[in-house]
Amino acid sequence: MRLSLYYNPSCQDCVRQAKRTARLDWLRAIELRTDRSPLGDVPVGKIVVVDERSRRVFTGVYATRMVCLMTPLHFLYGLFLFLPPIRDRVGGSQPGCNGDAREI
């Protein structure tokens, strides 16, 4: 599986998190991108993840879960995000799109 992670390059925190993700991506499964995502421009503080094989688009906590599942040190956290109580707490009032609502 290969993911494209879109983030806003003008957000310093987003850039810092993207660099951290790149360092932890030992499997080289995540491509960092700052160009326009399939959903349009990425807002500051948000990410958009695209599964390049299935072309499914993820946002919010679902995007975070996909990235965690692809980085060995965050894999367990990604598994915990499948549990509704944890996912709801992390996702808050804007959980995002789990890839079912929109395909490109």
N, C-alpha and C. Protein backbone atom coordinates (compact mmCIF):
# COMPACT_ATOMS: atom_id res chain seq x y z
N MET A 1 0.85 -1.18 0.00
CA MET A 1 0.00 0.00 0.00
C MET A 1 0.89 1.23 0.00
N ARG A 2 0.52 2.21 -0.76
CA ARG A 2 1.24 3.49 -0.82
C ARG A 2 0.25 4.60 -0.56
N LEU A 3 0.66 5.55 0.28
CA LEU A 3 -0.19 6.69 0.61
C LEU A 3 0.46 7.98 0.15
N SER A 4 -0.39 8.93 -0.24
CA SER A 4 0.06 10.30 -0.47
C SER A 4 -0.53 11.15 0.64
N LEU A 5 0.33 11.87 1.35
CA LEU A 5 -0.11 12.72 2.45
C LEU A 5 0.03 14.16 2.00
N TYR A 6 -1.09 14.84 1.86
CA TYR A 6 -1.11 16.25 1.46
C TYR A 6 -1.22 17.12 2.71
N TYR A 7 -0.39 18.15 2.78
CA TYR A 7 -0.44 19.09 3.90
C TYR A 7 -0.17 20.49 3.39
N ASN A 8 -0.45 21.48 4.24
CA ASN A 8 -0.29 22.88 3.87
C ASN A 8 1.14 23.32 4.21
N PRO A 9 1.93 23.71 3.20
CA PRO A 9 3.33 24.07 3.46
C PRO A 9 3.50 25.41 4.18
N SER A 10 2.46 26.19 4.28
CA SER A 10 2.58 27.48 4.98
C SER A 10 2.32 27.34 6.48
N CYS A 11 1.95 26.17 6.93
CA CYS A 11 1.70 25.89 8.35
C CYS A 11 2.97 25.28 8.94
N GLN A 12 3.63 25.99 9.86
CA GLN A 12 4.88 25.51 10.43
C GLN A 12 4.71 24.19 11.17
N ASP A 13 3.60 24.04 11.88
CA ASP A 13 3.36 22.79 12.60
C ASP A 13 3.15 21.63 11.62
N CYS A 14 2.45 21.90 10.52
CA CYS A 14 2.24 20.86 9.50
C CYS A 14 3.56 20.41 8.89
N VAL A 15 4.44 21.37 8.62
CA VAL A 15 5.76 21.05 8.05
C VAL A 15 6.56 20.21 9.04
N ARG A 16 6.53 20.60 10.31
CA ARG A 16 7.26 19.87 11.35
C ARG A 16 6.72 18.43 11.47
N GLN A 17 5.40 18.28 11.47
CA GLN A 17 4.80 16.94 11.57
C GLN A 17 5.12 16.11 10.33
N ALA A 18 5.12 16.74 9.16
CA ALA A 18 5.45 16.02 7.92
C ALA A 18 6.89 15.51 7.95
N LYS A 19 7.82 16.34 8.43
CA LYS A 19 9.21 15.92 8.54
C LYS A 19 9.36 14.77 9.53
N ARG A 20 8.63 14.84 10.62
CA ARG A 20 8.65 13.76 11.61
C ARG A 20 8.11 12.47 11.01
N THR A 21 7.04 12.59 10.25
CA THR A 21 6.46 11.42 9.58
C THR A 21 7.47 10.81 8.61
N ALA A 22 8.16 11.65 7.86
CA ALA A 22 9.15 11.16 6.90
C ALA A 22 10.28 10.40 7.61
N ARG A 23 10.71 10.91 8.77
CA ARG A 23 11.76 10.23 9.52
C ARG A 23 11.30 8.87 10.04
N LEU A 24 10.03 8.75 10.40
CA LEU A 24 9.50 7.50 10.95
C LEU A 24 8.99 6.54 9.88
N ASP A 25 8.98 6.98 8.65
CA ASP A 25 8.48 6.15 7.55
C ASP A 25 9.62 5.28 7.00
N TRP A 26 10.01 4.30 7.79
CA TRP A 26 11.12 3.43 7.42
C TRP A 26 10.79 2.58 6.20
N LEU A 27 9.51 2.33 5.98
CA LEU A 27 9.09 1.49 4.86
C LEU A 27 8.93 2.28 3.56
N ARG A 28 9.08 3.58 3.66
CA ARG A 28 8.92 4.48 2.50
C ARG A 28 7.57 4.26 1.80
N ALA A 29 6.53 4.20 2.62
CA ALA A 29 5.18 3.95 2.10
C ALA A 29 4.36 5.23 1.98
N ILE A 30 4.90 6.36 2.46
CA ILE A 30 4.15 7.61 2.47
C ILE A 30 4.89 8.65 1.64
N GLU A 31 4.18 9.20 0.69
CA GLU A 31 4.73 10.29 -0.13
C GLU A 31 4.17 11.61 0.38
N LEU A 32 5.04 12.51 0.80
CA LEU A 32 4.61 13.82 1.28
C LEU A 32 4.41 14.75 0.10
N ARG A 33 3.25 15.45 0.11
CA ARG A 33 2.93 16.33 -1.02
C ARG A 33 2.39 17.65 -0.50
N THR A 34 2.80 18.72 -1.17
CA THR A 34 2.31 20.05 -0.81
C THR A 34 1.50 20.68 -1.94
N ASP A 35 1.32 19.93 -3.03
CA ASP A 35 0.51 20.46 -4.12
C ASP A 35 -0.98 20.32 -3.77
N ARG A 36 -1.82 20.70 -4.67
CA ARG A 36 -3.27 20.66 -4.45
C ARG A 36 -3.74 19.21 -4.30
N SER A 37 -4.50 18.95 -3.24
CA SER A 37 -5.01 17.60 -3.00
C SER A 37 -6.22 17.34 -3.89
N PRO A 38 -6.68 16.10 -3.97
CA PRO A 38 -7.89 15.81 -4.76
C PRO A 38 -9.13 16.54 -4.24
N LEU A 39 -9.09 16.98 -2.98
CA LEU A 39 -10.22 17.72 -2.40
C LEU A 39 -10.03 19.23 -2.50
N GLY A 40 -8.94 19.67 -3.10
CA GLY A 40 -8.65 21.09 -3.21
C GLY A 40 -7.50 21.47 -2.29
N ASP A 41 -7.37 22.75 -2.00
CA ASP A 41 -6.31 23.22 -1.12
C ASP A 41 -6.51 22.66 0.29
N VAL A 42 -5.43 22.26 0.92
CA VAL A 42 -5.50 21.71 2.27
C VAL A 42 -5.47 22.86 3.27
N PRO A 43 -6.48 22.96 4.14
CA PRO A 43 -6.49 24.03 5.14
C PRO A 43 -5.33 23.89 6.13
N VAL A 44 -4.94 24.99 6.73
CA VAL A 44 -3.89 24.99 7.74
C VAL A 44 -4.31 24.08 8.89
N GLY A 45 -3.39 23.22 9.32
CA GLY A 45 -3.66 22.33 10.44
C GLY A 45 -4.38 21.04 10.07
N LYS A 46 -4.65 20.82 8.81
CA LYS A 46 -5.36 19.61 8.36
C LYS A 46 -4.48 18.81 7.41
N ILE A 47 -4.84 17.54 7.22
CA ILE A 47 -4.17 16.70 6.23
C ILE A 47 -5.22 15.97 5.39
N VAL A 48 -4.80 15.61 4.21
CA VAL A 48 -5.60 14.76 3.32
C VAL A 48 -4.70 13.61 2.91
N VAL A 49 -5.20 12.39 3.05
CA VAL A 49 -4.44 11.21 2.70
C VAL A 49 -5.17 10.45 1.59
N VAL A 50 -4.42 10.05 0.58
CA VAL A 50 -4.99 9.28 -0.53
C VAL A 50 -4.28 7.93 -0.60
N ASP A 51 -5.06 6.87 -0.56
CA ASP A 51 -4.53 5.53 -0.79
C ASP A 51 -4.39 5.40 -2.29
N GLU A 52 -3.17 5.36 -2.78
CA GLU A 52 -2.92 5.39 -4.22
C GLU A 52 -3.41 4.14 -4.95
N ARG A 53 -3.51 3.05 -4.23
CA ARG A 53 -3.97 1.82 -4.88
C ARG A 53 -5.48 1.84 -5.10
N SER A 54 -6.23 2.18 -4.05
CA SER A 54 -7.70 2.16 -4.16
C SER A 54 -8.27 3.53 -4.55
N ARG A 55 -7.43 4.57 -4.47
CA ARG A 55 -7.83 5.96 -4.77
C ARG A 55 -8.85 6.49 -3.76
N ARG A 56 -8.89 5.91 -2.56
CA ARG A 56 -9.77 6.40 -1.50
C ARG A 56 -9.12 7.59 -0.81
N VAL A 57 -9.96 8.55 -0.42
CA VAL A 57 -9.49 9.78 0.21
C VAL A 57 -9.90 9.77 1.68
N PHE A 58 -8.96 10.12 2.56
CA PHE A 58 -9.21 10.15 3.99
C PHE A 58 -8.86 11.53 4.54
N THR A 59 -9.65 11.99 5.51
CA THR A 59 -9.37 13.25 6.20
C THR A 59 -9.56 13.03 7.69
N GLY A 60 -9.14 14.01 8.48
CA GLY A 60 -9.36 13.97 9.93
C GLY A 60 -8.67 12.79 10.60
N VAL A 61 -9.35 12.23 11.59
CA VAL A 61 -8.80 11.12 12.37
C VAL A 61 -8.57 9.89 11.49
N TYR A 62 -9.35 9.74 10.44
CA TYR A 62 -9.18 8.60 9.54
C TYR A 62 -7.87 8.72 8.74
N ALA A 63 -7.51 9.93 8.37
CA ALA A 63 -6.23 10.16 7.69
C ALA A 63 -5.08 9.88 8.65
N THR A 64 -5.23 10.34 9.89
CA THR A 64 -4.21 10.09 10.91
C THR A 64 -4.03 8.59 11.12
N ARG A 65 -5.15 7.87 11.18
CA ARG A 65 -5.09 6.42 11.38
C ARG A 65 -4.34 5.75 10.23
N MET A 66 -4.60 6.16 8.99
CA MET A 66 -3.93 5.56 7.85
C MET A 66 -2.41 5.79 7.91
N VAL A 67 -2.02 7.00 8.27
CA VAL A 67 -0.59 7.31 8.38
C VAL A 67 0.05 6.49 9.51
N CYS A 68 -0.63 6.38 10.64
CA CYS A 68 -0.10 5.61 11.77
C CYS A 68 0.07 4.14 11.41
N LEU A 69 -0.87 3.60 10.67
CA LEU A 69 -0.78 2.19 10.29
C LEU A 69 0.39 1.91 9.35
N MET A 70 0.90 2.94 8.70
CA MET A 70 2.01 2.76 7.76
C MET A 70 3.38 3.07 8.38
N THR A 71 3.41 3.59 9.61
CA THR A 71 4.69 3.88 10.27
C THR A 71 4.84 2.94 11.47
N PRO A 72 5.89 2.15 11.50
CA PRO A 72 6.04 1.12 12.53
C PRO A 72 5.91 1.62 13.98
N LEU A 73 6.48 2.76 14.31
CA LEU A 73 6.40 3.24 15.69
C LEU A 73 5.00 3.70 16.09
N HIS A 74 4.17 4.02 15.14
CA HIS A 74 2.80 4.49 15.43
C HIS A 74 1.74 3.43 15.13
N PHE A 75 2.16 2.24 14.76
CA PHE A 75 1.22 1.21 14.33
C PHE A 75 0.18 0.89 15.41
N LEU A 76 0.60 0.72 16.65
CA LEU A 76 -0.36 0.40 17.71
C LEU A 76 -1.36 1.53 17.92
N TYR A 77 -0.90 2.76 17.85
CA TYR A 77 -1.82 3.90 17.96
C TYR A 77 -2.85 3.86 16.83
N GLY A 78 -2.41 3.51 15.63
CA GLY A 78 -3.33 3.37 14.51
C GLY A 78 -4.38 2.31 14.75
N LEU A 79 -3.98 1.20 15.37
CA LEU A 79 -4.95 0.15 15.70
C LEU A 79 -5.96 0.64 16.73
N PHE A 80 -5.49 1.40 17.73
CA PHE A 80 -6.40 1.94 18.73
C PHE A 80 -7.43 2.89 18.12
N LEU A 81 -7.08 3.53 17.02
CA LEU A 81 -8.01 4.46 16.38
C LEU A 81 -9.17 3.74 15.67
N PHE A 82 -9.14 2.41 15.63
CA PHE A 82 -10.29 1.65 15.13
C PHE A 82 -11.38 1.54 16.19
N LEU A 83 -11.01 1.74 17.47
CA LEU A 83 -11.98 1.63 18.55
C LEU A 83 -12.81 2.91 18.62
N PRO A 84 -14.14 2.79 18.48
CA PRO A 84 -14.99 3.99 18.44
C PRO A 84 -14.80 4.97 19.59
N PRO A 85 -14.69 4.54 20.85
CA PRO A 85 -14.51 5.54 21.92
C PRO A 85 -13.23 6.36 21.77
N ILE A 86 -12.15 5.70 21.37
CA ILE A 86 -10.88 6.41 21.18
C ILE A 86 -10.94 7.28 19.94
N ARG A 87 -11.46 6.72 18.85
CA ARG A 87 -11.58 7.48 17.60
C ARG A 87 -12.44 8.73 17.79
N ASP A 88 -13.55 8.59 18.52
CA ASP A 88 -14.43 9.73 18.74
C ASP A 88 -13.76 10.79 19.61
N ARG A 89 -12.99 10.37 20.59
CA ARG A 89 -12.30 11.33 21.46
C ARG A 89 -11.21 12.08 20.69
N VAL A 90 -10.45 11.36 19.89
CA VAL A 90 -9.38 11.98 19.11
C VAL A 90 -9.95 12.84 18.00
N GLY A 91 -10.98 12.35 17.31
CA GLY A 91 -11.57 13.06 16.19
C GLY A 91 -12.40 14.27 16.58
N GLY A 92 -12.90 14.27 17.82
CA GLY A 92 -13.70 15.40 18.28
C GLY A 92 -14.95 15.60 17.45
N SER A 93 -15.32 16.85 17.24
CA SER A 93 -16.55 17.17 16.52
C SER A 93 -16.37 17.11 15.00
N GLN A 94 -15.13 16.98 14.52
CA GLN A 94 -14.87 16.89 13.08
C GLN A 94 -14.02 15.67 12.79
N PRO A 95 -14.63 14.48 12.80
CA PRO A 95 -13.84 13.27 12.63
C PRO A 95 -13.23 13.12 11.24
N GLY A 96 -13.84 13.70 10.21
CA GLY A 96 -13.30 13.59 8.85
C GLY A 96 -13.99 12.53 8.05
N CYS A 97 -13.39 12.19 6.93
CA CYS A 97 -13.94 11.23 5.98
C CYS A 97 -13.14 9.94 6.05
N ASN A 98 -13.84 8.81 6.17
CA ASN A 98 -13.16 7.53 6.30
C ASN A 98 -12.88 6.84 4.97
N GLY A 99 -12.99 7.56 3.90
CA GLY A 99 -12.69 7.01 2.58
C GLY A 99 -13.90 6.46 1.86
N ASP A 100 -15.02 6.29 2.57
CA ASP A 100 -16.23 5.77 1.93
C ASP A 100 -17.05 6.85 1.24
N ALA A 101 -16.94 8.05 1.74
CA ALA A 101 -17.81 9.11 1.25
C ALA A 101 -17.39 9.68 -0.11
N ARG A 102 -16.10 9.58 -0.42
CA ARG A 102 -15.65 10.20 -1.67
C ARG A 102 -14.51 9.39 -2.25
N GLU A 103 -14.58 9.12 -3.50
CA GLU A 103 -13.49 8.47 -4.20
C GLU A 103 -13.11 9.34 -5.38
N ILE A 104 -11.86 9.27 -5.80
CA ILE A 104 -11.42 10.10 -6.92
C ILE A 104 -11.18 9.23 -8.13
